[in-house]
Amino acid sequence: MFGTPEFAVKVVQGNIHKIKVLRGAPCGATWEAAMRVKDLPAEEALVRIGLDVQYFCVANPSGWDPISGKSPVHMAGEFHKAALKKALKQNF
């Protein structure tokens, strides 16, 4: 239930018709963000999921990683965007 984000999505006429969180962040950001991308066009949802996860994420945004140059919040957004992109390719 918790860990690297994973989604199952159903796209109808280019819009996300259904989205199910198979695995997500323990803080709940994954579920909050997933609710907000339902009914959006798939391309818009890819951007929105990352932004919404960053908004709902409770990780310390000031904890910058010296190697990547990103905060945990930014990395969480990118992980969720990648997970949604993968789910869109699999579209059940």
N, C-alpha and C. Protein backbone atom coordinates (compact mmCIF):
# COMPACT_ATOMS: atom_id res chain seq x y z
N MET A 1 0.82 -1.19 0.00
CA MET A 1 0.00 0.00 0.00
C MET A 1 0.87 1.27 0.00
N PHE A 2 1.98 1.24 0.71
CA PHE A 2 2.86 2.42 0.76
C PHE A 2 4.19 2.11 0.09
N GLY A 3 4.75 3.10 -0.54
CA GLY A 3 6.04 2.94 -1.20
C GLY A 3 6.08 3.75 -2.48
N THR A 4 6.91 3.31 -3.42
CA THR A 4 7.02 3.99 -4.71
C THR A 4 5.64 4.04 -5.35
N PRO A 5 5.20 5.21 -5.79
CA PRO A 5 3.84 5.34 -6.29
C PRO A 5 3.55 4.45 -7.50
N GLU A 6 2.32 3.95 -7.51
CA GLU A 6 1.85 3.13 -8.63
C GLU A 6 0.36 3.37 -8.80
N PHE A 7 -0.04 3.58 -10.05
CA PHE A 7 -1.43 3.87 -10.37
C PHE A 7 -1.97 2.89 -11.40
N ALA A 8 -3.28 2.77 -11.44
CA ALA A 8 -4.00 2.13 -12.55
C ALA A 8 -4.98 3.19 -13.04
N VAL A 9 -4.98 3.43 -14.34
CA VAL A 9 -5.86 4.47 -14.89
C VAL A 9 -6.65 3.93 -16.07
N LYS A 10 -7.80 4.55 -16.27
CA LYS A 10 -8.60 4.28 -17.46
C LYS A 10 -8.82 5.62 -18.14
N VAL A 11 -8.44 5.69 -19.41
CA VAL A 11 -8.56 6.91 -20.18
C VAL A 11 -9.71 6.73 -21.17
N VAL A 12 -10.60 7.71 -21.20
CA VAL A 12 -11.71 7.72 -22.15
C VAL A 12 -11.66 9.04 -22.90
N GLN A 13 -11.55 8.95 -24.22
CA GLN A 13 -11.48 10.13 -25.09
C GLN A 13 -10.40 11.12 -24.64
N GLY A 14 -9.25 10.59 -24.24
CA GLY A 14 -8.11 11.43 -23.87
C GLY A 14 -8.11 11.96 -22.46
N ASN A 15 -9.20 11.72 -21.71
CA ASN A 15 -9.28 12.20 -20.33
C ASN A 15 -9.19 11.02 -19.36
N ILE A 16 -8.65 11.29 -18.18
CA ILE A 16 -8.57 10.25 -17.16
C ILE A 16 -9.97 10.04 -16.59
N HIS A 17 -10.54 8.90 -16.89
CA HIS A 17 -11.89 8.57 -16.45
C HIS A 17 -11.88 7.96 -15.05
N LYS A 18 -10.91 7.07 -14.81
CA LYS A 18 -10.75 6.44 -13.50
C LYS A 18 -9.27 6.41 -13.15
N ILE A 19 -8.97 6.58 -11.87
CA ILE A 19 -7.60 6.45 -11.40
C ILE A 19 -7.64 5.76 -10.03
N LYS A 20 -6.82 4.75 -9.90
CA LYS A 20 -6.76 4.00 -8.65
C LYS A 20 -5.31 4.01 -8.16
N VAL A 21 -5.12 4.34 -6.91
CA VAL A 21 -3.79 4.31 -6.31
C VAL A 21 -3.53 2.88 -5.84
N LEU A 22 -2.53 2.25 -6.42
CA LEU A 22 -2.15 0.90 -6.01
C LEU A 22 -1.12 0.95 -4.88
N ARG A 23 -0.29 2.00 -4.92
CA ARG A 23 0.72 2.21 -3.87
C ARG A 23 1.04 3.70 -3.86
N GLY A 24 1.23 4.25 -2.66
CA GLY A 24 1.48 5.69 -2.57
C GLY A 24 2.22 6.09 -1.32
N ALA A 25 2.38 7.38 -1.16
CA ALA A 25 3.12 7.97 -0.04
C ALA A 25 2.35 7.80 1.27
N PRO A 26 3.04 7.46 2.35
CA PRO A 26 2.36 7.28 3.63
C PRO A 26 1.68 8.54 4.15
N CYS A 27 2.08 9.69 3.66
CA CYS A 27 1.46 10.94 4.13
C CYS A 27 0.08 11.17 3.53
N GLY A 28 -0.27 10.42 2.49
CA GLY A 28 -1.57 10.58 1.87
C GLY A 28 -1.58 11.48 0.65
N ALA A 29 -0.45 12.09 0.32
CA ALA A 29 -0.39 13.02 -0.82
C ALA A 29 -0.79 12.34 -2.13
N THR A 30 -0.46 11.07 -2.28
CA THR A 30 -0.77 10.36 -3.52
C THR A 30 -2.27 10.30 -3.75
N TRP A 31 -3.02 9.97 -2.72
CA TRP A 31 -4.47 9.84 -2.84
C TRP A 31 -5.12 11.20 -3.08
N GLU A 32 -4.65 12.22 -2.40
CA GLU A 32 -5.19 13.57 -2.59
C GLU A 32 -4.96 14.05 -4.02
N ALA A 33 -3.74 13.86 -4.51
CA ALA A 33 -3.39 14.31 -5.86
C ALA A 33 -4.15 13.51 -6.92
N ALA A 34 -4.32 12.21 -6.69
CA ALA A 34 -5.03 11.37 -7.66
C ALA A 34 -6.47 11.83 -7.84
N MET A 35 -7.12 12.21 -6.76
CA MET A 35 -8.51 12.68 -6.85
C MET A 35 -8.61 13.93 -7.72
N ARG A 36 -7.56 14.74 -7.71
CA ARG A 36 -7.60 16.02 -8.41
C ARG A 36 -7.30 15.90 -9.90
N VAL A 37 -6.75 14.78 -10.35
CA VAL A 37 -6.46 14.63 -11.79
C VAL A 37 -7.56 13.88 -12.53
N LYS A 38 -8.51 13.32 -11.80
CA LYS A 38 -9.63 12.63 -12.45
C LYS A 38 -10.37 13.61 -13.35
N ASP A 39 -10.69 13.17 -14.54
CA ASP A 39 -11.42 13.92 -15.57
C ASP A 39 -10.55 14.95 -16.31
N LEU A 40 -9.28 15.04 -15.98
CA LEU A 40 -8.39 15.94 -16.71
C LEU A 40 -7.85 15.25 -17.96
N PRO A 41 -7.49 16.02 -18.99
CA PRO A 41 -6.79 15.43 -20.13
C PRO A 41 -5.48 14.80 -19.63
N ALA A 42 -5.09 13.69 -20.23
CA ALA A 42 -3.92 12.95 -19.77
C ALA A 42 -2.67 13.82 -19.72
N GLU A 43 -2.43 14.62 -20.73
CA GLU A 43 -1.23 15.47 -20.75
C GLU A 43 -1.23 16.49 -19.61
N GLU A 44 -2.38 17.06 -19.34
CA GLU A 44 -2.50 18.03 -18.24
C GLU A 44 -2.33 17.32 -16.89
N ALA A 45 -2.85 16.11 -16.79
CA ALA A 45 -2.76 15.35 -15.54
C ALA A 45 -1.31 15.04 -15.18
N LEU A 46 -0.47 14.82 -16.18
CA LEU A 46 0.95 14.53 -15.90
C LEU A 46 1.63 15.70 -15.19
N VAL A 47 1.29 16.89 -15.58
CA VAL A 47 1.86 18.08 -14.92
C VAL A 47 1.20 18.28 -13.55
N ARG A 48 -0.11 18.15 -13.53
CA ARG A 48 -0.88 18.43 -12.31
C ARG A 48 -0.54 17.47 -11.17
N ILE A 49 -0.34 16.18 -11.47
CA ILE A 49 -0.07 15.21 -10.40
C ILE A 49 1.19 15.59 -9.64
N GLY A 50 2.23 16.00 -10.36
CA GLY A 50 3.47 16.39 -9.71
C GLY A 50 3.31 17.62 -8.83
N LEU A 51 2.59 18.60 -9.34
CA LEU A 51 2.38 19.83 -8.57
C LEU A 51 1.53 19.58 -7.33
N ASP A 52 0.47 18.79 -7.50
CA ASP A 52 -0.41 18.52 -6.37
C ASP A 52 0.26 17.68 -5.29
N VAL A 53 1.08 16.72 -5.71
CA VAL A 53 1.82 15.92 -4.72
C VAL A 53 2.76 16.83 -3.93
N GLN A 54 3.41 17.76 -4.61
CA GLN A 54 4.30 18.68 -3.91
C GLN A 54 3.51 19.53 -2.91
N TYR A 55 2.31 19.91 -3.28
CA TYR A 55 1.49 20.73 -2.40
C TYR A 55 1.05 19.95 -1.15
N PHE A 56 0.63 18.70 -1.34
CA PHE A 56 0.12 17.90 -0.24
C PHE A 56 1.22 17.17 0.54
N CYS A 57 2.41 17.10 0.00
CA CYS A 57 3.52 16.37 0.64
C CYS A 57 3.92 17.05 1.95
N VAL A 58 4.22 16.23 2.95
CA VAL A 58 4.60 16.78 4.25
C VAL A 58 6.11 16.66 4.51
N ALA A 59 6.86 16.23 3.50
CA ALA A 59 8.32 16.16 3.66
C ALA A 59 8.88 17.57 3.82
N ASN A 60 10.03 17.67 4.43
CA ASN A 60 10.67 18.96 4.65
C ASN A 60 11.20 19.51 3.32
N PRO A 61 10.60 20.58 2.79
CA PRO A 61 11.05 21.11 1.51
C PRO A 61 12.42 21.79 1.56
N SER A 62 12.92 22.04 2.76
CA SER A 62 14.23 22.69 2.86
C SER A 62 15.36 21.67 2.91
N GLY A 63 15.05 20.38 2.89
CA GLY A 63 16.07 19.34 2.95
C GLY A 63 16.64 19.01 1.60
N TRP A 64 17.34 19.96 0.99
CA TRP A 64 17.89 19.79 -0.36
C TRP A 64 18.95 18.71 -0.39
N ASP A 65 18.88 17.87 -1.42
CA ASP A 65 19.87 16.82 -1.66
C ASP A 65 21.04 17.46 -2.41
N PRO A 66 22.26 17.38 -1.87
CA PRO A 66 23.40 18.04 -2.52
C PRO A 66 23.78 17.42 -3.87
N ILE A 67 23.43 16.17 -4.10
CA ILE A 67 23.78 15.52 -5.36
C ILE A 67 22.80 15.88 -6.47
N SER A 68 21.51 15.74 -6.21
CA SER A 68 20.51 16.03 -7.24
C SER A 68 20.15 17.50 -7.31
N GLY A 69 20.38 18.22 -6.20
CA GLY A 69 20.01 19.63 -6.15
C GLY A 69 18.51 19.84 -5.98
N LYS A 70 17.81 18.80 -5.54
CA LYS A 70 16.36 18.89 -5.38
C LYS A 70 15.96 18.55 -3.95
N SER A 71 14.79 19.06 -3.56
CA SER A 71 14.26 18.72 -2.24
C SER A 71 13.46 17.43 -2.34
N PRO A 72 13.16 16.80 -1.21
CA PRO A 72 12.33 15.59 -1.24
C PRO A 72 10.95 15.85 -1.85
N VAL A 73 10.45 17.05 -1.67
CA VAL A 73 9.14 17.41 -2.21
C VAL A 73 9.19 17.40 -3.74
N HIS A 74 10.25 17.97 -4.31
CA HIS A 74 10.39 17.98 -5.77
C HIS A 74 10.58 16.56 -6.32
N MET A 75 11.36 15.77 -5.63
CA MET A 75 11.57 14.39 -6.07
C MET A 75 10.26 13.61 -6.00
N ALA A 76 9.46 13.83 -4.97
CA ALA A 76 8.17 13.15 -4.85
C ALA A 76 7.28 13.49 -6.04
N GLY A 77 7.27 14.75 -6.44
CA GLY A 77 6.48 15.16 -7.60
C GLY A 77 6.92 14.45 -8.86
N GLU A 78 8.23 14.33 -9.06
CA GLU A 78 8.75 13.65 -10.24
C GLU A 78 8.46 12.15 -10.22
N PHE A 79 8.55 11.53 -9.06
CA PHE A 79 8.24 10.10 -8.95
C PHE A 79 6.77 9.84 -9.30
N HIS A 80 5.88 10.69 -8.83
CA HIS A 80 4.46 10.51 -9.10
C HIS A 80 4.14 10.76 -10.58
N LYS A 81 4.79 11.75 -11.16
CA LYS A 81 4.59 12.01 -12.59
C LYS A 81 5.04 10.80 -13.41
N ALA A 82 6.18 10.22 -13.07
CA ALA A 82 6.68 9.04 -13.78
C ALA A 82 5.73 7.85 -13.60
N ALA A 83 5.18 7.69 -12.41
CA ALA A 83 4.25 6.59 -12.15
C ALA A 83 2.97 6.76 -12.95
N LEU A 84 2.47 7.98 -13.06
CA LEU A 84 1.26 8.22 -13.84
C LEU A 84 1.54 8.00 -15.32
N LYS A 85 2.69 8.42 -15.77
CA LYS A 85 3.07 8.21 -17.18
C LYS A 85 3.10 6.72 -17.51
N LYS A 86 3.65 5.93 -16.62
CA LYS A 86 3.70 4.47 -16.80
C LYS A 86 2.28 3.89 -16.83
N ALA A 87 1.43 4.34 -15.92
CA ALA A 87 0.06 3.85 -15.87
C ALA A 87 -0.72 4.22 -17.12
N LEU A 88 -0.46 5.40 -17.66
CA LEU A 88 -1.15 5.83 -18.88
C LEU A 88 -0.79 4.93 -20.06
N LYS A 89 0.43 4.46 -20.09
CA LYS A 89 0.86 3.55 -21.16
C LYS A 89 0.16 2.21 -21.04
N GLN A 90 -0.13 1.79 -19.80
CA GLN A 90 -0.76 0.49 -19.55
C GLN A 90 -2.29 0.57 -19.64
N ASN A 91 -2.88 1.72 -19.45
CA ASN A 91 -4.32 2.02 -19.54
C ASN A 91 -5.22 0.78 -19.55
N PHE A 92 -5.82 0.48 -18.41
CA PHE A 92 -6.69 -0.71 -18.33
C PHE A 92 -8.04 -0.50 -18.93
